[in-house]
Amino acid sequence: MKLFLLALILVLPRAHAANGDLLRCLGGEEKRLHQAKNTGPIYDLNQRIMAEMVQIPDVTINAEDFKSVCQTGRFSESWKLLELSLRKGKNTFVIPNSIQGLQRGITEGMIDDYIETSKEILLNFISQVQTLSPTPNCLLEEVPKLNSFFTEIKYLQEDVDIKKIMAGKDEKIFEKIKDYPNAFQRCAARLKKKTKSESTAKAKKP
């Protein structure tokens, strides 16, 4: 963690005119999670997204997208940036006009690499969430379309733009995935009710 923060400090001067505000936004989320001692899937997602953004310091996002990611005060800034990246692809980012020539080409390549990696980041997040599930099929019960969505993302060919697979996707999928703590409570309640019912049935047998 100390090494990562050091790298962030070193890169912030260069990123100030570009994604410095975005990095500070993500860093604010990291601070809140650390203070709350939340080291679950969201914390790991935050660390991964921050690491990716540090690598492409010459980009920013437009004011409207920045507001939706960093100023709405809902859920996770890292999750919102990931969802935005999946829906808009490389159009999520804006490269300043001051970046030209070879540096612009390098920056565009970094953005492409991140967008491709965003699929893996999503899959890792979902997999990590599933390990916390109180029942094996909890997420599938709560998000019926998750299995096909998971498979489609996982096996998306590299030469297919991520935006094509995200086009027309029901936003409720993302809403339900990020609502996993409440989903787990519902699954745990159903499991408890089922266990109690089975115990009662066994007790009534002669």
C-alpha atoms as a PDB file:
ATOM      1  CA  MET A   1       0.000   0.000   0.000  1.00  0.00           C
ATOM      2  CA  LYS A   2       2.786   2.464   0.913  1.00  0.00           C
ATOM      3  CA  LEU A   3       4.487   1.817  -2.433  1.00  0.00           C
ATOM      4  CA  PHE A   4       1.233   2.446  -4.276  1.00  0.00           C
ATOM      5  CA  LEU A   5       0.610   5.708  -2.434  1.00  0.00           C
ATOM      6  CA  LEU A   6       4.178   6.785  -3.193  1.00  0.00           C
ATOM      7  CA  ALA A   7       3.618   6.092  -6.878  1.00  0.00           C
ATOM      8  CA  LEU A   8       0.398   8.090  -6.733  1.00  0.00           C
ATOM      9  CA  ILE A   9       2.155  11.049  -5.105  1.00  0.00           C
ATOM     10  CA  LEU A  10       4.886  10.985  -7.745  1.00  0.00           C
ATOM     11  CA  VAL A  11       2.467  10.930 -10.640  1.00  0.00           C
ATOM     12  CA  LEU A  12      -0.007  13.526  -9.363  1.00  0.00           C
ATOM     13  CA  PRO A  13       2.034  16.585 -10.458  1.00  0.00           C
ATOM     14  CA  ARG A  14       2.021  15.296 -14.028  1.00  0.00           C
ATOM     15  CA  ALA A  15      -1.630  14.349 -13.814  1.00  0.00           C
ATOM     16  CA  HIS A  16      -2.795  17.627 -12.289  1.00  0.00           C
ATOM     17  CA  ALA A  17      -3.896  19.115 -15.594  1.00  0.00           C
ATOM     18  CA  ALA A  18      -5.507  15.867 -16.691  1.00  0.00           C
ATOM     19  CA  ASN A  19      -6.844  13.152 -14.395  1.00  0.00           C
ATOM     20  CA  GLY A  20      -5.478  14.504 -11.120  1.00  0.00           C
ATOM     21  CA  ASP A  21      -8.988  15.308  -9.933  1.00  0.00           C
ATOM     22  CA  LEU A  22     -10.121  11.809 -10.850  1.00  0.00           C
ATOM     23  CA  LEU A  23      -7.236  10.263  -8.929  1.00  0.00           C
ATOM     24  CA  ARG A  24      -8.024  12.385  -5.910  1.00  0.00           C
ATOM     25  CA  CYS A  25     -11.654  11.309  -6.184  1.00  0.00           C
ATOM     26  CA  LEU A  26     -10.660   7.644  -6.183  1.00  0.00           C
ATOM     27  CA  GLY A  27      -8.182   8.319  -3.395  1.00  0.00           C
ATOM     28  CA  GLY A  28     -10.993   9.808  -1.326  1.00  0.00           C
ATOM     29  CA  GLU A  29     -12.947   6.597  -1.732  1.00  0.00           C
ATOM     30  CA  GLU A  30      -9.901   4.588  -0.668  1.00  0.00           C
ATOM     31  CA  LYS A  31      -9.597   6.722   2.481  1.00  0.00           C
ATOM     32  CA  ARG A  32     -13.249   6.164   3.398  1.00  0.00           C
ATOM     33  CA  LEU A  33     -12.988   2.426   2.864  1.00  0.00           C
ATOM     34  CA  HIS A  34      -9.780   2.275   4.908  1.00  0.00           C
ATOM     35  CA  GLN A  35     -11.318   4.231   7.774  1.00  0.00           C
ATOM     36  CA  ALA A  36     -14.359   1.936   7.713  1.00  0.00           C
ATOM     37  CA  LYS A  37     -12.021  -1.076   7.645  1.00  0.00           C
ATOM     38  CA  ASN A  38     -13.830  -2.258   4.531  1.00  0.00           C
ATOM     39  CA  THR A  39     -11.387  -4.586   2.796  1.00  0.00           C
ATOM     40  CA  GLY A  40     -13.917  -6.461   0.674  1.00  0.00           C
ATOM     41  CA  PRO A  41     -14.599  -6.476  -3.078  1.00  0.00           C
ATOM     42  CA  ILE A  42     -15.152  -2.723  -3.315  1.00  0.00           C
ATOM     43  CA  TYR A  43     -11.802  -1.960  -1.688  1.00  0.00           C
ATOM     44  CA  ASP A  44     -10.005  -4.306  -4.074  1.00  0.00           C
ATOM     45  CA  LEU A  45     -11.888  -2.760  -6.995  1.00  0.00           C
ATOM     46  CA  ASN A  46     -10.823   0.697  -5.881  1.00  0.00           C
ATOM     47  CA  GLN A  47      -7.178  -0.388  -5.697  1.00  0.00           C
ATOM     48  CA  ARG A  48      -7.299  -1.921  -9.165  1.00  0.00           C
ATOM     49  CA  ILE A  49      -9.001   1.063 -10.788  1.00  0.00           C
ATOM     50  CA  MET A  50      -6.578   3.481  -9.140  1.00  0.00           C
ATOM     51  CA  ALA A  51      -3.624   1.435 -10.377  1.00  0.00           C
ATOM     52  CA  GLU A  52      -5.024   1.528 -13.916  1.00  0.00           C
ATOM     53  CA  MET A  53      -5.656   5.281 -13.851  1.00  0.00           C
ATOM     54  CA  VAL A  54      -2.164   6.045 -12.551  1.00  0.00           C
ATOM     55  CA  GLN A  55      -0.787   4.409 -15.690  1.00  0.00           C
ATOM     56  CA  ILE A  56      -2.628   6.810 -18.022  1.00  0.00           C
ATOM     57  CA  PRO A  57      -2.201  10.203 -16.338  1.00  0.00           C
ATOM     58  CA  ASP A  58      -2.650  12.233 -19.538  1.00  0.00           C
ATOM     59  CA  VAL A  59      -6.399  11.651 -19.792  1.00  0.00           C
ATOM     60  CA  THR A  60      -9.472  13.029 -18.121  1.00  0.00           C
ATOM     61  CA  ILE A  61     -13.223  12.547 -18.358  1.00  0.00           C
ATOM     62  CA  ASN A  62     -15.734  15.223 -19.269  1.00  0.00           C
ATOM     63  CA  ALA A  63     -17.419  17.323 -16.595  1.00  0.00           C
ATOM     64  CA  GLU A  64     -20.757  15.495 -16.794  1.00  0.00           C
ATOM     65  CA  ASP A  65     -19.156  12.072 -16.385  1.00  0.00           C
ATOM     66  CA  PHE A  66     -16.917  13.336 -13.594  1.00  0.00           C
ATOM     67  CA  LYS A  67     -19.970  14.599 -11.751  1.00  0.00           C
ATOM     68  CA  SER A  68     -21.763  11.248 -12.113  1.00  0.00           C
ATOM     69  CA  VAL A  69     -18.700   9.347 -10.883  1.00  0.00           C
ATOM     70  CA  CYS A  70     -17.379  11.590  -8.143  1.00  0.00           C
ATOM     71  CA  GLN A  71     -20.078  14.000  -7.010  1.00  0.00           C
ATOM     72  CA  THR A  72     -23.313  12.032  -6.723  1.00  0.00           C
ATOM     73  CA  GLY A  73     -22.378  10.516  -3.361  1.00  0.00           C
ATOM     74  CA  ARG A  74     -23.896   7.138  -4.198  1.00  0.00           C
ATOM     75  CA  PHE A  75     -22.182   3.763  -3.804  1.00  0.00           C
ATOM     76  CA  SER A  76     -18.615   3.452  -5.119  1.00  0.00           C
ATOM     77  CA  GLU A  77     -16.722   5.897  -7.333  1.00  0.00           C
ATOM     78  CA  SER A  78     -14.600   3.020  -8.640  1.00  0.00           C
ATOM     79  CA  TRP A  79     -17.672   0.986  -9.565  1.00  0.00           C
ATOM     80  CA  LYS A  80     -19.266   3.952 -11.346  1.00  0.00           C
ATOM     81  CA  LEU A  81     -16.077   4.586 -13.336  1.00  0.00           C
ATOM     82  CA  LEU A  82     -15.868   0.905 -14.261  1.00  0.00           C
ATOM     83  CA  GLU A  83     -19.501   0.846 -15.387  1.00  0.00           C
ATOM     84  CA  LEU A  84     -18.950   4.030 -17.397  1.00  0.00           C
ATOM     85  CA  SER A  85     -15.875   2.475 -19.025  1.00  0.00           C
ATOM     86  CA  LEU A  86     -17.817  -0.649 -19.968  1.00  0.00           C
ATOM     87  CA  ARG A  87     -20.727   1.296 -21.429  1.00  0.00           C
ATOM     88  CA  LYS A  88     -18.799   3.984 -23.317  1.00  0.00           C
ATOM     89  CA  GLY A  89     -15.522   2.215 -24.015  1.00  0.00           C
ATOM     90  CA  LYS A  90     -12.598   4.475 -24.868  1.00  0.00           C
ATOM     91  CA  ASN A  91     -15.051   7.341 -25.419  1.00  0.00           C
ATOM     92  CA  THR A  92     -15.106   7.563 -21.625  1.00  0.00           C
ATOM     93  CA  PHE A  93     -11.835   9.448 -21.762  1.00  0.00           C
ATOM     94  CA  VAL A  94     -10.726  12.764 -23.197  1.00  0.00           C
ATOM     95  CA  ILE A  95      -7.119  13.358 -24.188  1.00  0.00           C
ATOM     96  CA  PRO A  96      -6.125  17.032 -23.868  1.00  0.00           C
ATOM     97  CA  ASN A  97      -5.249  18.777 -27.134  1.00  0.00           C
ATOM     98  CA  SER A  98      -1.855  19.548 -25.659  1.00  0.00           C
ATOM     99  CA  ILE A  99      -0.977  15.873 -25.958  1.00  0.00           C
ATOM    100  CA  GLN A 100       0.155  15.301 -29.532  1.00  0.00           C
ATOM    101  CA  GLY A 101       2.428  13.130 -31.643  1.00  0.00           C
ATOM    102  CA  LEU A 102       4.006  10.023 -30.182  1.00  0.00           C
ATOM    103  CA  GLN A 103       2.742  10.756 -26.667  1.00  0.00           C
ATOM    104  CA  ARG A 104      -0.848  10.910 -27.913  1.00  0.00           C
ATOM    105  CA  GLY A 105      -0.471   7.556 -29.628  1.00  0.00           C
ATOM    106  CA  ILE A 106       0.974   6.030 -26.449  1.00  0.00           C
ATOM    107  CA  THR A 107      -1.874   7.461 -24.375  1.00  0.00           C
ATOM    108  CA  GLU A 108      -4.478   6.083 -26.804  1.00  0.00           C
ATOM    109  CA  GLY A 109      -2.830   2.671 -26.540  1.00  0.00           C
ATOM    110  CA  MET A 110      -2.975   2.841 -22.726  1.00  0.00           C
ATOM    111  CA  ILE A 111      -6.677   3.672 -22.888  1.00  0.00           C
ATOM    112  CA  ASP A 112      -7.321   0.727 -25.217  1.00  0.00           C
ATOM    113  CA  ASP A 113      -5.447  -1.583 -22.836  1.00  0.00           C
ATOM    114  CA  TYR A 114      -7.493  -0.374 -19.879  1.00  0.00           C
ATOM    115  CA  ILE A 115     -10.814  -0.804 -21.700  1.00  0.00           C
ATOM    116  CA  GLU A 116      -9.852  -4.361 -22.580  1.00  0.00           C
ATOM    117  CA  THR A 117      -8.791  -4.955 -18.969  1.00  0.00           C
ATOM    118  CA  SER A 118     -12.092  -3.542 -17.682  1.00  0.00           C
ATOM    119  CA  LYS A 119     -13.813  -6.804 -18.655  1.00  0.00           C
ATOM    120  CA  GLU A 120     -11.397  -8.767 -16.478  1.00  0.00           C
ATOM    121  CA  ILE A 121     -11.850  -6.288 -13.633  1.00  0.00           C
ATOM    122  CA  LEU A 122     -15.624  -6.764 -13.753  1.00  0.00           C
ATOM    123  CA  LEU A 123     -15.330 -10.553 -13.830  1.00  0.00           C
ATOM    124  CA  ASN A 124     -12.906 -10.538 -10.909  1.00  0.00           C
ATOM    125  CA  PHE A 125     -15.249  -8.306  -8.919  1.00  0.00           C
ATOM    126  CA  ILE A 126     -18.234 -10.588  -9.534  1.00  0.00           C
ATOM    127  CA  SER A 127     -16.173 -13.678  -8.697  1.00  0.00           C
ATOM    128  CA  GLN A 128     -14.978 -12.096  -5.465  1.00  0.00           C
ATOM    129  CA  VAL A 129     -18.539 -11.148  -4.537  1.00  0.00           C
ATOM    130  CA  GLN A 130     -19.679 -14.702  -5.188  1.00  0.00           C
ATOM    131  CA  THR A 131     -17.142 -16.057  -2.697  1.00  0.00           C
ATOM    132  CA  LEU A 132     -18.960 -14.099   0.026  1.00  0.00           C
ATOM    133  CA  SER A 133     -22.384 -15.432  -0.914  1.00  0.00           C
ATOM    134  CA  PRO A 134     -24.343 -17.208   1.866  1.00  0.00           C
ATOM    135  CA  THR A 135     -25.686 -19.702  -0.703  1.00  0.00           C
ATOM    136  CA  PRO A 136     -24.114 -21.061  -3.928  1.00  0.00           C
ATOM    137  CA  ASN A 137     -26.779 -19.644  -6.233  1.00  0.00           C
ATOM    138  CA  CYS A 138     -27.629 -16.431  -4.394  1.00  0.00           C
ATOM    139  CA  LEU A 139     -26.495 -13.987  -7.076  1.00  0.00           C
ATOM    140  CA  LEU A 140     -28.132 -16.029  -9.829  1.00  0.00           C
ATOM    141  CA  GLU A 141     -31.383 -16.020  -7.866  1.00  0.00           C
ATOM    142  CA  GLU A 142     -31.191 -12.283  -7.342  1.00  0.00           C
ATOM    143  CA  VAL A 143     -29.892 -11.451 -10.827  1.00  0.00           C
ATOM    144  CA  PRO A 144     -31.416 -14.029 -13.211  1.00  0.00           C
ATOM    145  CA  LYS A 145     -29.588 -12.639 -16.257  1.00  0.00           C
ATOM    146  CA  LEU A 146     -26.200 -12.656 -14.540  1.00  0.00           C
ATOM    147  CA  ASN A 147     -25.092 -16.065 -15.808  1.00  0.00           C
ATOM    148  CA  SER A 148     -25.567 -15.212 -19.494  1.00  0.00           C
ATOM    149  CA  PHE A 149     -24.103 -11.752 -18.916  1.00  0.00           C
ATOM    150  CA  PHE A 150     -21.065 -13.232 -17.158  1.00  0.00           C
ATOM    151  CA  THR A 151     -20.499 -15.753 -19.971  1.00  0.00           C
ATOM    152  CA  GLU A 152     -20.957 -13.158 -22.708  1.00  0.00           C
ATOM    153  CA  ILE A 153     -18.420 -10.813 -21.149  1.00  0.00           C
ATOM    154  CA  LYS A 154     -15.973 -13.625 -20.387  1.00  0.00           C
ATOM    155  CA  TYR A 155     -15.859 -14.999 -23.898  1.00  0.00           C
ATOM    156  CA  LEU A 156     -16.137 -11.722 -25.789  1.00  0.00           C
ATOM    157  CA  GLN A 157     -13.622 -11.819 -28.607  1.00  0.00           C
ATOM    158  CA  GLU A 158     -10.791  -9.342 -28.365  1.00  0.00           C
ATOM    159  CA  ASP A 159     -11.606  -7.728 -31.709  1.00  0.00           C
ATOM    160  CA  VAL A 160     -15.164  -6.851 -30.615  1.00  0.00           C
ATOM    161  CA  ASP A 161     -15.670  -3.404 -29.117  1.00  0.00           C
ATOM    162  CA  ILE A 162     -16.847  -3.699 -25.513  1.00  0.00           C
ATOM    163  CA  LYS A 163     -19.506  -1.074 -26.270  1.00  0.00           C
ATOM    164  CA  LYS A 164     -21.237  -3.485 -28.660  1.00  0.00           C
ATOM    165  CA  ILE A 165     -21.844  -6.070 -25.977  1.00  0.00           C
ATOM    166  CA  MET A 166     -22.951  -3.420 -23.486  1.00  0.00           C
ATOM    167  CA  ALA A 167     -25.346  -1.728 -25.909  1.00  0.00           C
ATOM    168  CA  GLY A 168     -28.907  -2.135 -24.733  1.00  0.00           C
ATOM    169  CA  LYS A 169     -27.931  -3.962 -21.550  1.00  0.00           C
ATOM    170  CA  ASP A 170     -30.421  -3.476 -18.770  1.00  0.00           C
ATOM    171  CA  GLU A 171     -28.923  -1.112 -16.200  1.00  0.00           C
ATOM    172  CA  LYS A 172     -30.717  -3.134 -13.538  1.00  0.00           C
ATOM    173  CA  ILE A 173     -28.013  -5.786 -13.940  1.00  0.00           C
ATOM    174  CA  PHE A 174     -25.432  -3.335 -12.608  1.00  0.00           C
ATOM    175  CA  GLU A 175     -27.798  -2.034  -9.963  1.00  0.00           C
ATOM    176  CA  LYS A 176     -28.452  -5.554  -8.686  1.00  0.00           C
ATOM    177  CA  ILE A 177     -24.782  -6.563  -8.749  1.00  0.00           C
ATOM    178  CA  LYS A 178     -23.748  -3.569  -6.659  1.00  0.00           C
ATOM    179  CA  ASP A 179     -26.651  -4.253  -4.283  1.00  0.00           C
ATOM    180  CA  TYR A 180     -25.061  -7.576  -3.331  1.00  0.00           C
ATOM    181  CA  PRO A 181     -25.004  -6.919   0.464  1.00  0.00           C
ATOM    182  CA  ASN A 182     -28.806  -6.631   0.538  1.00  0.00           C
ATOM    183  CA  ALA A 183     -29.113  -9.559  -1.861  1.00  0.00           C
ATOM    184  CA  PHE A 184     -27.030 -11.675   0.508  1.00  0.00           C
ATOM    185  CA  GLN A 185     -29.294 -10.726   3.406  1.00  0.00           C
ATOM    186  CA  ARG A 186     -32.326 -11.873   1.452  1.00  0.00           C
ATOM    187  CA  CYS A 187     -30.627 -15.146   0.498  1.00  0.00           C
ATOM    188  CA  ALA A 188     -29.549 -15.752   4.088  1.00  0.00           C
ATOM    189  CA  ALA A 189     -33.123 -15.135   5.241  1.00  0.00           C
ATOM    190  CA  ARG A 190     -34.480 -17.629   2.699  1.00  0.00           C
ATOM    191  CA  LEU A 191     -31.883 -20.188   3.734  1.00  0.00           C
ATOM    192  CA  LYS A 192     -32.776 -19.727   7.401  1.00  0.00           C
ATOM    193  CA  LYS A 193     -36.476 -20.099   6.633  1.00  0.00           C
ATOM    194  CA  LYS A 194     -35.851 -23.209   4.536  1.00  0.00           C
ATOM    195  CA  THR A 195     -33.663 -24.774   7.232  1.00  0.00           C
ATOM    196  CA  LYS A 196     -36.246 -24.038   9.889  1.00  0.00           C
ATOM    197  CA  SER A 197     -39.018 -25.511   7.731  1.00  0.00           C
ATOM    198  CA  GLU A 198     -37.028 -28.681   7.086  1.00  0.00           C
ATOM    199  CA  SER A 199     -36.216 -29.045  10.792  1.00  0.00           C
ATOM    200  CA  THR A 200     -39.886 -28.640  11.679  1.00  0.00           C
ATOM    201  CA  ALA A 201     -40.897 -31.217   9.077  1.00  0.00           C
ATOM    202  CA  LYS A 202     -38.379 -33.740  10.428  1.00  0.00           C
ATOM    203  CA  ALA A 203     -39.577 -33.149  13.989  1.00  0.00           C
ATOM    204  CA  LYS A 204     -43.168 -33.931  12.972  1.00  0.00           C
ATOM    205  CA  LYS A 205     -42.244 -37.283  11.448  1.00  0.00           C
ATOM    206  CA  PRO A 206     -43.275 -40.259  13.651  1.00  0.00           C
END
